[in-house]
Amino acid sequence: MASEQNRQELEDKVSALVEGKFGSDYRRAFRHYDGDQDDRISKSELKTLLADAGVGNGFTRSAWAGGVMEVLDRDDDTHISWAEFESAFSGGKRPDVPGGRSSPEGKHKT
């Protein structure tokens, strides 16, 4: 399980990326990082998102991606679905999920 500091870093950096690059549209961000358009984010695609958000570095990003994947991949299919992504990053506060936060507008629609 990630430290509170790591969770906060992830939340802050992913939020800043989505706000700055995607106008706070988490669904649009998800689609962008779903490179093969299979409605799931793989570990490789997640590493790209983390790199763009400035999370970790070349040496630690794989560990970050593995830790995030371990927590978010609730159905153990080795990918993050939109529902898993949304519950963590654009849904309600989830203290057990890195980056889980409340959105000021409420839950984003798909």
PDB file of N, CA and C in Angstrom:
ATOM      1  N   MET A   1       0.845  -1.182   0.000  1.00  0.00           N
ATOM      2  CA  MET A   1       0.000   0.000   0.000  1.00  0.00           C
ATOM      3  C   MET A   1       0.891   1.247   0.000  1.00  0.00           C
ATOM      4  N   ALA A   2       0.490   2.224  -0.791  1.00  0.00           N
ATOM      5  CA  ALA A   2       1.282   3.438  -0.939  1.00  0.00           C
ATOM      6  C   ALA A   2       1.157   4.317   0.296  1.00  0.00           C
ATOM      7  N   SER A   3       2.197   5.105   0.519  1.00  0.00           N
ATOM      8  CA  SER A   3       2.150   6.052   1.630  1.00  0.00           C
ATOM      9  C   SER A   3       1.166   7.175   1.295  1.00  0.00           C
ATOM     10  N   GLU A   4       0.716   7.871   2.327  1.00  0.00           N
ATOM     11  CA  GLU A   4      -0.197   8.993   2.117  1.00  0.00           C
ATOM     12  C   GLU A   4       0.463  10.057   1.237  1.00  0.00           C
ATOM     13  N   GLN A   5       1.759  10.256   1.405  1.00  0.00           N
ATOM     14  CA  GLN A   5       2.486  11.228   0.587  1.00  0.00           C
ATOM     15  C   GLN A   5       2.445  10.824  -0.888  1.00  0.00           C
ATOM     16  N   ASN A   6       2.657   9.530  -1.178  1.00  0.00           N
ATOM     17  CA  ASN A   6       2.599   9.054  -2.562  1.00  0.00           C
ATOM     18  C   ASN A   6       1.198   9.191  -3.138  1.00  0.00           C
ATOM     19  N   ARG A   7       0.197   8.871  -2.336  1.00  0.00           N
ATOM     20  CA  ARG A   7      -1.187   9.009  -2.800  1.00  0.00           C
ATOM     21  C   ARG A   7      -1.496  10.456  -3.142  1.00  0.00           C
ATOM     22  N   GLN A   8      -1.058  11.365  -2.280  1.00  0.00           N
ATOM     23  CA  GLN A   8      -1.312  12.786  -2.516  1.00  0.00           C
ATOM     24  C   GLN A   8      -0.587  13.259  -3.769  1.00  0.00           C
ATOM     25  N   GLU A   9       0.653  12.822  -3.952  1.00  0.00           N
ATOM     26  CA  GLU A   9       1.411  13.189  -5.155  1.00  0.00           C
ATOM     27  C   GLU A   9       0.680  12.704  -6.406  1.00  0.00           C
ATOM     28  N   LEU A  10       0.223  11.465  -6.373  1.00  0.00           N
ATOM     29  CA  LEU A  10      -0.500  10.903  -7.513  1.00  0.00           C
ATOM     30  C   LEU A  10      -1.767  11.702  -7.793  1.00  0.00           C
ATOM     31  N   GLU A  11      -2.542  11.955  -6.755  1.00  0.00           N
ATOM     32  CA  GLU A  11      -3.783  12.721  -6.916  1.00  0.00           C
ATOM     33  C   GLU A  11      -3.505  14.094  -7.506  1.00  0.00           C
ATOM     34  N   ASP A  12      -2.556  14.810  -6.924  1.00  0.00           N
ATOM     35  CA  ASP A  12      -2.247  16.168  -7.375  1.00  0.00           C
ATOM     36  C   ASP A  12      -1.769  16.193  -8.817  1.00  0.00           C
ATOM     37  N   LYS A  13      -0.874  15.309  -9.158  1.00  0.00           N
ATOM     38  CA  LYS A  13      -0.279  15.338 -10.496  1.00  0.00           C
ATOM     39  C   LYS A  13      -1.242  14.857 -11.576  1.00  0.00           C
ATOM     40  N   VAL A  14      -2.012  13.828 -11.285  1.00  0.00           N
ATOM     41  CA  VAL A  14      -2.994  13.370 -12.269  1.00  0.00           C
ATOM     42  C   VAL A  14      -4.086  14.421 -12.435  1.00  0.00           C
ATOM     43  N   SER A  15      -4.534  15.018 -11.349  1.00  0.00           N
ATOM     44  CA  SER A  15      -5.544  16.077 -11.430  1.00  0.00           C
ATOM     45  C   SER A  15      -5.043  17.254 -12.269  1.00  0.00           C
ATOM     46  N   ALA A  16      -3.801  17.655 -12.043  1.00  0.00           N
ATOM     47  CA  ALA A  16      -3.224  18.762 -12.806  1.00  0.00           C
ATOM     48  C   ALA A  16      -3.124  18.407 -14.292  1.00  0.00           C
ATOM     49  N   LEU A  17      -2.730  17.187 -14.598  1.00  0.00           N
ATOM     50  CA  LEU A  17      -2.644  16.747 -15.988  1.00  0.00           C
ATOM     51  C   LEU A  17      -4.021  16.783 -16.649  1.00  0.00           C
ATOM     52  N   VAL A  18      -5.015  16.196 -15.993  1.00  0.00           N
ATOM     53  CA  VAL A  18      -6.353  16.126 -16.578  1.00  0.00           C
ATOM     54  C   VAL A  18      -6.957  17.520 -16.722  1.00  0.00           C
ATOM     55  N   GLU A  19      -6.730  18.372 -15.743  1.00  0.00           N
ATOM     56  CA  GLU A  19      -7.237  19.738 -15.831  1.00  0.00           C
ATOM     57  C   GLU A  19      -6.559  20.505 -16.963  1.00  0.00           C
ATOM     58  N   GLY A  20      -5.238  20.417 -17.020  1.00  0.00           N
ATOM     59  CA  GLY A  20      -4.489  21.197 -17.996  1.00  0.00           C
ATOM     60  C   GLY A  20      -4.592  20.707 -19.423  1.00  0.00           C
ATOM     61  N   LYS A  21      -4.585  19.398 -19.607  1.00  0.00           N
ATOM     62  CA  LYS A  21      -4.543  18.838 -20.960  1.00  0.00           C
ATOM     63  C   LYS A  21      -5.919  18.426 -21.481  1.00  0.00           C
ATOM     64  N   PHE A  22      -6.849  18.132 -20.571  1.00  0.00           N
ATOM     65  CA  PHE A  22      -8.144  17.587 -20.990  1.00  0.00           C
ATOM     66  C   PHE A  22      -9.330  18.381 -20.447  1.00  0.00           C
ATOM     67  N   GLY A  23      -9.084  19.594 -19.950  1.00  0.00           N
ATOM     68  CA  GLY A  23     -10.165  20.436 -19.456  1.00  0.00           C
ATOM     69  C   GLY A  23     -10.965  19.791 -18.339  1.00  0.00           C
ATOM     70  N   SER A  24     -10.289  19.035 -17.487  1.00  0.00           N
ATOM     71  CA  SER A  24     -10.897  18.326 -16.351  1.00  0.00           C
ATOM     72  C   SER A  24     -11.835  17.193 -16.766  1.00  0.00           C
ATOM     73  N   ASP A  25     -11.747  16.751 -18.015  1.00  0.00           N
ATOM     74  CA  ASP A  25     -12.592  15.667 -18.522  1.00  0.00           C
ATOM     75  C   ASP A  25     -11.840  14.336 -18.358  1.00  0.00           C
ATOM     76  N   TYR A  26     -12.169  13.621 -17.286  1.00  0.00           N
ATOM     77  CA  TYR A  26     -11.480  12.367 -16.980  1.00  0.00           C
ATOM     78  C   TYR A  26     -11.776  11.285 -18.011  1.00  0.00           C
ATOM     79  N   ARG A  27     -12.962  11.292 -18.581  1.00  0.00           N
ATOM     80  CA  ARG A  27     -13.297  10.294 -19.607  1.00  0.00           C
ATOM     81  C   ARG A  27     -12.437  10.521 -20.840  1.00  0.00           C
ATOM     82  N   ARG A  28     -12.274  11.771 -21.220  1.00  0.00           N
ATOM     83  CA  ARG A  28     -11.426  12.098 -22.375  1.00  0.00           C
ATOM     84  C   ARG A  28      -9.980  11.686 -22.114  1.00  0.00           C
ATOM     85  N   ALA A  29      -9.505  11.924 -20.896  1.00  0.00           N
ATOM     86  CA  ALA A  29      -8.151  11.508 -20.535  1.00  0.00           C
ATOM     87  C   ALA A  29      -8.021   9.987 -20.611  1.00  0.00           C
ATOM     88  N   PHE A  30      -9.018   9.283 -20.079  1.00  0.00           N
ATOM     89  CA  PHE A  30      -8.989   7.816 -20.126  1.00  0.00           C
ATOM     90  C   PHE A  30      -8.894   7.335 -21.571  1.00  0.00           C
ATOM     91  N   ARG A  31      -9.717   7.885 -22.438  1.00  0.00           N
ATOM     92  CA  ARG A  31      -9.709   7.478 -23.858  1.00  0.00           C
ATOM     93  C   ARG A  31      -8.357   7.772 -24.507  1.00  0.00           C
ATOM     94  N   HIS A  32      -7.775   8.916 -24.144  1.00  0.00           N
ATOM     95  CA  HIS A  32      -6.475   9.281 -24.703  1.00  0.00           C
ATOM     96  C   HIS A  32      -5.406   8.251 -24.327  1.00  0.00           C
ATOM     97  N   TYR A  33      -5.372   7.847 -23.070  1.00  0.00           N
ATOM     98  CA  TYR A  33      -4.330   6.919 -22.610  1.00  0.00           C
ATOM     99  C   TYR A  33      -4.649   5.466 -22.918  1.00  0.00           C
ATOM    100  N   ASP A  34      -5.861   5.180 -23.341  1.00  0.00           N
ATOM    101  CA  ASP A  34      -6.235   3.844 -23.805  1.00  0.00           C
ATOM    102  C   ASP A  34      -5.794   3.732 -25.261  1.00  0.00           C
ATOM    103  N   GLY A  35      -4.501   3.582 -25.455  1.00  0.00           N
ATOM    104  CA  GLY A  35      -3.897   3.650 -26.782  1.00  0.00           C
ATOM    105  C   GLY A  35      -4.460   2.676 -27.800  1.00  0.00           C
ATOM    106  N   ASP A  36      -4.803   1.469 -27.374  1.00  0.00           N
ATOM    107  CA  ASP A  36      -5.335   0.484 -28.316  1.00  0.00           C
ATOM    108  C   ASP A  36      -6.860   0.499 -28.377  1.00  0.00           C
ATOM    109  N   GLN A  37      -7.477   1.461 -27.664  1.00  0.00           N
ATOM    110  CA  GLN A  37      -8.925   1.683 -27.692  1.00  0.00           C
ATOM    111  C   GLN A  37      -9.731   0.421 -27.354  1.00  0.00           C
ATOM    112  N   ASP A  38      -9.262  -0.329 -26.342  1.00  0.00           N
ATOM    113  CA  ASP A  38      -9.993  -1.531 -25.917  1.00  0.00           C
ATOM    114  C   ASP A  38     -10.827  -1.278 -24.658  1.00  0.00           C
ATOM    115  N   ASP A  39     -10.991  -0.014 -24.296  1.00  0.00           N
ATOM    116  CA  ASP A  39     -11.748   0.407 -23.106  1.00  0.00           C
ATOM    117  C   ASP A  39     -11.114  -0.054 -21.808  1.00  0.00           C
ATOM    118  N   ARG A  40      -9.796  -0.254 -21.831  1.00  0.00           N
ATOM    119  CA  ARG A  40      -9.042  -0.638 -20.642  1.00  0.00           C
ATOM    120  C   ARG A  40      -7.655  -0.006 -20.753  1.00  0.00           C
ATOM    121  N   ILE A  41      -7.086   0.349 -19.623  1.00  0.00           N
ATOM    122  CA  ILE A  41      -5.724   0.879 -19.608  1.00  0.00           C
ATOM    123  C   ILE A  41      -4.801  -0.216 -19.093  1.00  0.00           C
ATOM    124  N   SER A  42      -3.815  -0.553 -19.906  1.00  0.00           N
ATOM    125  CA  SER A  42      -2.821  -1.563 -19.537  1.00  0.00           C
ATOM    126  C   SER A  42      -1.743  -0.924 -18.662  1.00  0.00           C
ATOM    127  N   LYS A  43      -0.878  -1.732 -18.121  1.00  0.00           N
ATOM    128  CA  LYS A  43       0.220  -1.199 -17.309  1.00  0.00           C
ATOM    129  C   LYS A  43       1.110  -0.288 -18.156  1.00  0.00           C
ATOM    130  N   SER A  44       1.357  -0.660 -19.384  1.00  0.00           N
ATOM    131  CA  SER A  44       2.171   0.159 -20.279  1.00  0.00           C
ATOM    132  C   SER A  44       1.503   1.506 -20.547  1.00  0.00           C
ATOM    133  N   GLU A  45       0.197   1.486 -20.801  1.00  0.00           N
ATOM    134  CA  GLU A  45      -0.533   2.728 -21.029  1.00  0.00           C
ATOM    135  C   GLU A  45      -0.570   3.583 -19.760  1.00  0.00           C
ATOM    136  N   LEU A  46      -0.684   2.924 -18.610  1.00  0.00           N
ATOM    137  CA  LEU A  46      -0.662   3.630 -17.330  1.00  0.00           C
ATOM    138  C   LEU A  46       0.678   4.316 -17.117  1.00  0.00           C
ATOM    139  N   LYS A  47       1.763   3.662 -17.493  1.00  0.00           N
ATOM    140  CA  LYS A  47       3.089   4.273 -17.351  1.00  0.00           C
ATOM    141  C   LYS A  47       3.190   5.543 -18.194  1.00  0.00           C
ATOM    142  N   THR A  48       2.568   5.561 -19.355  1.00  0.00           N
ATOM    143  CA  THR A  48       2.552   6.759 -20.191  1.00  0.00           C
ATOM    144  C   THR A  48       1.793   7.881 -19.491  1.00  0.00           C
ATOM    145  N   LEU A  49       0.631   7.561 -18.920  1.00  0.00           N
ATOM    146  CA  LEU A  49      -0.136   8.552 -18.175  1.00  0.00           C
ATOM    147  C   LEU A  49       0.691   9.098 -17.016  1.00  0.00           C
ATOM    148  N   LEU A  50       1.324   8.212 -16.259  1.00  0.00           N
ATOM    149  CA  LEU A  50       2.137   8.642 -15.116  1.00  0.00           C
ATOM    150  C   LEU A  50       3.300   9.515 -15.563  1.00  0.00           C
ATOM    151  N   ALA A  51       3.928   9.160 -16.677  1.00  0.00           N
ATOM    152  CA  ALA A  51       5.040   9.970 -17.205  1.00  0.00           C
ATOM    153  C   ALA A  51       4.551  11.363 -17.573  1.00  0.00           C
ATOM    154  N   ASP A  52       3.415  11.436 -18.270  1.00  0.00           N
ATOM    155  CA  ASP A  52       2.870  12.733 -18.666  1.00  0.00           C
ATOM    156  C   ASP A  52       2.466  13.568 -17.455  1.00  0.00           C
ATOM    157  N   ALA A  53       2.056  12.903 -16.375  1.00  0.00           N
ATOM    158  CA  ALA A  53       1.673  13.599 -15.147  1.00  0.00           C
ATOM    159  C   ALA A  53       2.886  13.963 -14.296  1.00  0.00           C
ATOM    160  N   GLY A  54       4.061  13.452 -14.656  1.00  0.00           N
ATOM    161  CA  GLY A  54       5.264  13.740 -13.882  1.00  0.00           C
ATOM    162  C   GLY A  54       5.365  12.922 -12.602  1.00  0.00           C
ATOM    163  N   VAL A  55       4.742  11.752 -12.594  1.00  0.00           N
ATOM    164  CA  VAL A  55       4.782  10.876 -11.427  1.00  0.00           C
ATOM    165  C   VAL A  55       5.968   9.921 -11.569  1.00  0.00           C
ATOM    166  N   GLY A  56       6.818   9.914 -10.561  1.00  0.00           N
ATOM    167  CA  GLY A  56       7.992   9.042 -10.589  1.00  0.00           C
ATOM    168  C   GLY A  56       9.004   9.510 -11.613  1.00  0.00           C
ATOM    169  N   ASN A  57       9.929   8.605 -11.932  1.00  0.00           N
ATOM    170  CA  ASN A  57      10.943   8.880 -12.946  1.00  0.00           C
ATOM    171  C   ASN A  57      11.225   7.580 -13.698  1.00  0.00           C
ATOM    172  N   GLY A  58      12.171   7.603 -14.596  1.00  0.00           N
ATOM    173  CA  GLY A  58      12.472   6.426 -15.401  1.00  0.00           C
ATOM    174  C   GLY A  58      12.797   5.187 -14.580  1.00  0.00           C
ATOM    175  N   PHE A  59      13.316   5.391 -13.393  1.00  0.00           N
ATOM    176  CA  PHE A  59      13.680   4.262 -12.544  1.00  0.00           C
ATOM    177  C   PHE A  59      12.525   3.766 -11.681  1.00  0.00           C
ATOM    178  N   THR A  60      11.611   4.664 -11.316  1.00  0.00           N
ATOM    179  CA  THR A  60      10.553   4.294 -10.372  1.00  0.00           C
ATOM    180  C   THR A  60       9.171   4.152 -10.999  1.00  0.00           C
ATOM    181  N   ARG A  61       9.005   4.571 -12.250  1.00  0.00           N
ATOM    182  CA  ARG A  61       7.671   4.605 -12.844  1.00  0.00           C
ATOM    183  C   ARG A  61       7.037   3.229 -12.939  1.00  0.00           C
ATOM    184  N   SER A  62       7.815   2.211 -13.231  1.00  0.00           N
ATOM    185  CA  SER A  62       7.252   0.857 -13.306  1.00  0.00           C
ATOM    186  C   SER A  62       6.702   0.421 -11.948  1.00  0.00           C
ATOM    187  N   ALA A  63       7.408   0.773 -10.880  1.00  0.00           N
ATOM    188  CA  ALA A  63       6.929   0.448  -9.529  1.00  0.00           C
ATOM    189  C   ALA A  63       5.652   1.223  -9.223  1.00  0.00           C
ATOM    190  N   TRP A  64       5.617   2.490  -9.600  1.00  0.00           N
ATOM    191  CA  TRP A  64       4.404   3.284  -9.418  1.00  0.00           C
ATOM    192  C   TRP A  64       3.242   2.630 -10.159  1.00  0.00           C
ATOM    193  N   ALA A  65       3.462   2.292 -11.420  1.00  0.00           N
ATOM    194  CA  ALA A  65       2.393   1.694 -12.231  1.00  0.00           C
ATOM    195  C   ALA A  65       1.926   0.378 -11.626  1.00  0.00           C
ATOM    196  N   GLY A  66       2.860  -0.440 -11.161  1.00  0.00           N
ATOM    197  CA  GLY A  66       2.491  -1.700 -10.532  1.00  0.00           C
ATOM    198  C   GLY A  66       1.651  -1.498  -9.285  1.00  0.00           C
ATOM    199  N   GLY A  67       2.028  -0.518  -8.473  1.00  0.00           N
ATOM    200  CA  GLY A  67       1.275  -0.238  -7.254  1.00  0.00           C
ATOM    201  C   GLY A  67      -0.111   0.304  -7.539  1.00  0.00           C
ATOM    202  N   VAL A  68      -0.211   1.203  -8.502  1.00  0.00           N
ATOM    203  CA  VAL A  68      -1.510   1.758  -8.875  1.00  0.00           C
ATOM    204  C   VAL A  68      -2.388   0.651  -9.457  1.00  0.00           C
ATOM    205  N   MET A  69      -1.807  -0.159 -10.331  1.00  0.00           N
ATOM    206  CA  MET A  69      -2.555  -1.255 -10.951  1.00  0.00           C
ATOM    207  C   MET A  69      -3.065  -2.236  -9.895  1.00  0.00           C
ATOM    208  N   GLU A  70      -2.229  -2.540  -8.927  1.00  0.00           N
ATOM    209  CA  GLU A  70      -2.612  -3.485  -7.878  1.00  0.00           C
ATOM    210  C   GLU A  70      -3.847  -3.004  -7.111  1.00  0.00           C
ATOM    211  N   VAL A  71      -3.915  -1.708  -6.844  1.00  0.00           N
ATOM    212  CA  VAL A  71      -5.033  -1.158  -6.081  1.00  0.00           C
ATOM    213  C   VAL A  71      -6.273  -0.951  -6.952  1.00  0.00           C
ATOM    214  N   LEU A  72      -6.092  -0.430  -8.169  1.00  0.00           N
ATOM    215  CA  LEU A  72      -7.248  -0.074  -8.992  1.00  0.00           C
ATOM    216  C   LEU A  72      -7.866  -1.247  -9.735  1.00  0.00           C
ATOM    217  N   ASP A  73      -7.075  -2.240 -10.090  1.00  0.00           N
ATOM    218  CA  ASP A  73      -7.573  -3.371 -10.881  1.00  0.00           C
ATOM    219  C   ASP A  73      -8.373  -4.323  -9.991  1.00  0.00           C
ATOM    220  N   ARG A  74      -9.596  -3.938  -9.713  1.00  0.00           N
ATOM    221  CA  ARG A  74     -10.447  -4.672  -8.771  1.00  0.00           C
ATOM    222  C   ARG A  74     -10.883  -6.039  -9.292  1.00  0.00           C
ATOM    223  N   ASP A  75     -10.955  -6.214 -10.610  1.00  0.00           N
ATOM    224  CA  ASP A  75     -11.398  -7.510 -11.141  1.00  0.00           C
ATOM    225  C   ASP A  75     -10.227  -8.399 -11.568  1.00  0.00           C
ATOM    226  N   ASP A  76      -9.016  -7.968 -11.277  1.00  0.00           N
ATOM    227  CA  ASP A  76      -7.803  -8.760 -11.529  1.00  0.00           C
ATOM    228  C   ASP A  76      -7.644  -9.210 -12.984  1.00  0.00           C
ATOM    229  N   ASP A  77      -7.992  -8.325 -13.928  1.00  0.00           N
ATOM    230  CA  ASP A  77      -7.807  -8.667 -15.342  1.00  0.00           C
ATOM    231  C   ASP A  77      -6.538  -8.040 -15.922  1.00  0.00           C
ATOM    232  N   THR A  78      -5.697  -7.488 -15.067  1.00  0.00           N
ATOM    233  CA  THR A  78      -4.422  -6.838 -15.404  1.00  0.00           C
ATOM    234  C   THR A  78      -4.597  -5.546 -16.207  1.00  0.00           C
ATOM    235  N   HIS A  79      -5.784  -4.971 -16.173  1.00  0.00           N
ATOM    236  CA  HIS A  79      -6.071  -3.707 -16.831  1.00  0.00           C
ATOM    237  C   HIS A  79      -6.953  -2.875 -15.917  1.00  0.00           C
ATOM    238  N   ILE A  80      -6.999  -1.569 -16.185  1.00  0.00           N
ATOM    239  CA  ILE A  80      -7.893  -0.671 -15.457  1.00  0.00           C
ATOM    240  C   ILE A  80      -9.032  -0.303 -16.396  1.00  0.00           C
ATOM    241  N   SER A  81     -10.238  -0.674 -16.018  1.00  0.00           N
ATOM    242  CA  SER A  81     -11.421  -0.326 -16.808  1.00  0.00           C
ATOM    243  C   SER A  81     -11.807   1.127 -16.530  1.00  0.00           C
ATOM    244  N   TRP A  82     -12.732   1.660 -17.349  1.00  0.00           N
ATOM    245  CA  TRP A  82     -13.223   3.008 -17.092  1.00  0.00           C
ATOM    246  C   TRP A  82     -13.848   3.087 -15.706  1.00  0.00           C
ATOM    247  N   ALA A  83     -14.640   2.102 -15.323  1.00  0.00           N
ATOM    248  CA  ALA A  83     -15.296   2.123 -14.006  1.00  0.00           C
ATOM    249  C   ALA A  83     -14.262   2.161 -12.884  1.00  0.00           C
ATOM    250  N   GLU A  84     -13.194   1.397 -13.019  1.00  0.00           N
ATOM    251  CA  GLU A  84     -12.136   1.383 -12.002  1.00  0.00           C
ATOM    252  C   GLU A  84     -11.416   2.732 -11.967  1.00  0.00           C
ATOM    253  N   PHE A  85     -11.139   3.282 -13.136  1.00  0.00           N
ATOM    254  CA  PHE A  85     -10.462   4.575 -13.247  1.00  0.00           C
ATOM    255  C   PHE A  85     -11.344   5.678 -12.675  1.00  0.00           C
ATOM    256  N   GLU A  86     -12.605   5.679 -13.076  1.00  0.00           N
ATOM    257  CA  GLU A  86     -13.537   6.712 -12.631  1.00  0.00           C
ATOM    258  C   GLU A  86     -13.716   6.696 -11.114  1.00  0.00           C
ATOM    259  N   SER A  87     -13.825   5.507 -10.540  1.00  0.00           N
ATOM    260  CA  SER A  87     -14.036   5.431  -9.090  1.00  0.00           C
ATOM    261  C   SER A  87     -12.842   5.983  -8.324  1.00  0.00           C
ATOM    262  N   ALA A  88     -11.672   5.899  -8.914  1.00  0.00           N
ATOM    263  CA  ALA A  88     -10.470   6.385  -8.247  1.00  0.00           C
ATOM    264  C   ALA A  88     -10.206   7.857  -8.496  1.00  0.00           C
ATOM    265  N   PHE A  89     -10.342   8.291  -9.730  1.00  0.00           N
ATOM    266  CA  PHE A  89      -9.885   9.624 -10.083  1.00  0.00           C
ATOM    267  C   PHE A  89     -10.977  10.659 -10.271  1.00  0.00           C
ATOM    268  N   SER A  90     -12.183  10.277 -10.622  1.00  0.00           N
ATOM    269  CA  SER A  90     -13.205  11.295 -10.847  1.00  0.00           C
ATOM    270  C   SER A  90     -14.479  11.030 -10.064  1.00  0.00           C
ATOM    271  N   GLY A  91     -14.473  10.007  -9.231  1.00  0.00           N
ATOM    272  CA  GLY A  91     -15.651   9.691  -8.434  1.00  0.00           C
ATOM    273  C   GLY A  91     -15.532  10.230  -7.027  1.00  0.00           C
ATOM    274  N   GLY A  92     -16.269   9.616  -6.115  1.00  0.00           N
ATOM    275  CA  GLY A  92     -16.262  10.041  -4.726  1.00  0.00           C
ATOM    276  C   GLY A  92     -14.957   9.704  -4.035  1.00  0.00           C
ATOM    277  N   LYS A  93     -14.774  10.240  -2.859  1.00  0.00           N
ATOM    278  CA  LYS A  93     -13.552  10.031  -2.069  1.00  0.00           C
ATOM    279  C   LYS A  93     -13.400   8.554  -1.746  1.00  0.00           C
ATOM    280  N   ARG A  94     -12.265   7.989  -2.098  1.00  0.00           N
ATOM    281  CA  ARG A  94     -11.975   6.589  -1.832  1.00  0.00           C
ATOM    282  C   ARG A  94     -10.631   6.546  -1.123  1.00  0.00           C
ATOM    283  N   PRO A  95     -10.600   6.539   0.206  1.00  0.00           N
ATOM    284  CA  PRO A  95      -9.328   6.619   0.914  1.00  0.00           C
ATOM    285  C   PRO A  95      -8.408   5.439   0.655  1.00  0.00           C
ATOM    286  N   ASP A  96      -8.939   4.308   0.194  1.00  0.00           N
ATOM    287  CA  ASP A  96      -8.103   3.144  -0.055  1.00  0.00           C
ATOM    288  C   ASP A  96      -7.491   3.145  -1.444  1.00  0.00           C
ATOM    289  N   VAL A  97      -7.835   4.125  -2.270  1.00  0.00           N
ATOM    290  CA  VAL A  97      -7.362   4.168  -3.641  1.00  0.00           C
ATOM    291  C   VAL A  97      -6.497   5.402  -3.847  1.00  0.00           C
ATOM    292  N   PRO A  98      -5.263   5.210  -4.377  1.00  0.00           N
ATOM    293  CA  PRO A  98      -4.437   6.375  -4.623  1.00  0.00           C
ATOM    294  C   PRO A  98      -5.115   7.293  -5.626  1.00  0.00           C
ATOM    295  N   GLY A  99      -5.188   8.558  -5.288  1.00  0.00           N
ATOM    296  CA  GLY A  99      -5.765   9.532  -6.198  1.00  0.00           C
ATOM    297  C   GLY A  99      -7.262   9.677  -6.069  1.00  0.00           C
ATOM    298  N   GLY A 100      -7.930   8.839  -5.250  1.00  0.00           N
ATOM    299  CA  GLY A 100      -9.379   8.937  -5.094  1.00  0.00           C
ATOM    300  C   GLY A 100      -9.724  10.275  -4.474  1.00  0.00           C
ATOM    301  N   ARG A 101     -10.675  10.986  -5.050  1.00  0.00           N
ATOM    302  CA  ARG A 101     -11.023  12.300  -4.537  1.00  0.00           C
ATOM    303  C   ARG A 101     -12.435  12.644  -4.943  1.00  0.00           C
ATOM    304  N   SER A 102     -12.971  13.614  -4.281  1.00  0.00           N
ATOM    305  CA  SER A 102     -14.287  14.123  -4.629  1.00  0.00           C
ATOM    306  C   SER A 102     -14.140  15.186  -5.701  1.00  0.00           C
ATOM    307  N   SER A 103     -14.997  15.116  -6.683  1.00  0.00           N
ATOM    308  CA  SER A 103     -15.017  16.122  -7.730  1.00  0.00           C
ATOM    309  C   SER A 103     -15.950  17.245  -7.312  1.00  0.00           C
ATOM    310  N   PRO A 104     -15.589  18.513  -7.530  1.00  0.00           N
ATOM    311  CA  PRO A 104     -16.459  19.602  -7.125  1.00  0.00           C
ATOM    312  C   PRO A 104     -17.811  19.550  -7.826  1.00  0.00           C
ATOM    313  N   GLU A 105     -17.884  18.987  -9.024  1.00  0.00           N
ATOM    314  CA  GLU A 105     -19.127  18.911  -9.773  1.00  0.00           C
ATOM    315  C   GLU A 105     -19.870  17.624  -9.495  1.00  0.00           C
ATOM    316  N   GLY A 106     -19.354  16.777  -8.658  1.00  0.00           N
ATOM    317  CA  GLY A 106     -19.947  15.454  -8.462  1.00  0.00           C
ATOM    318  C   GLY A 106     -19.343  14.482  -9.435  1.00  0.00           C
ATOM    319  N   LYS A 107     -19.968  13.367  -9.614  1.00  0.00           N
ATOM    320  CA  LYS A 107     -19.434  12.328 -10.482  1.00  0.00           C
ATOM    321  C   LYS A 107     -19.548  12.738 -11.941  1.00  0.00           C
ATOM    322  N   HIS A 108     -18.459  12.536 -12.691  1.00  0.00           N
ATOM    323  CA  HIS A 108     -18.473  12.852 -14.112  1.00  0.00           C
ATOM    324  C   HIS A 108     -19.302  11.824 -14.842  1.00  0.00           C
ATOM    325  N   LYS A 109     -20.019  12.247 -15.840  1.00  0.00           N
ATOM    326  CA  LYS A 109     -20.846  11.363 -16.647  1.00  0.00           C
ATOM    327  C   LYS A 109     -20.003  10.727 -17.741  1.00  0.00           C
ATOM    328  N   THR A 110     -20.389   9.529 -18.138  1.00  0.00           N
ATOM    329  CA  THR A 110     -19.698   8.854 -19.242  1.00  0.00           C
ATOM    330  C   THR A 110     -20.372   9.102 -20.549  1.00  0.00           C
TER     331      THR A 110
END
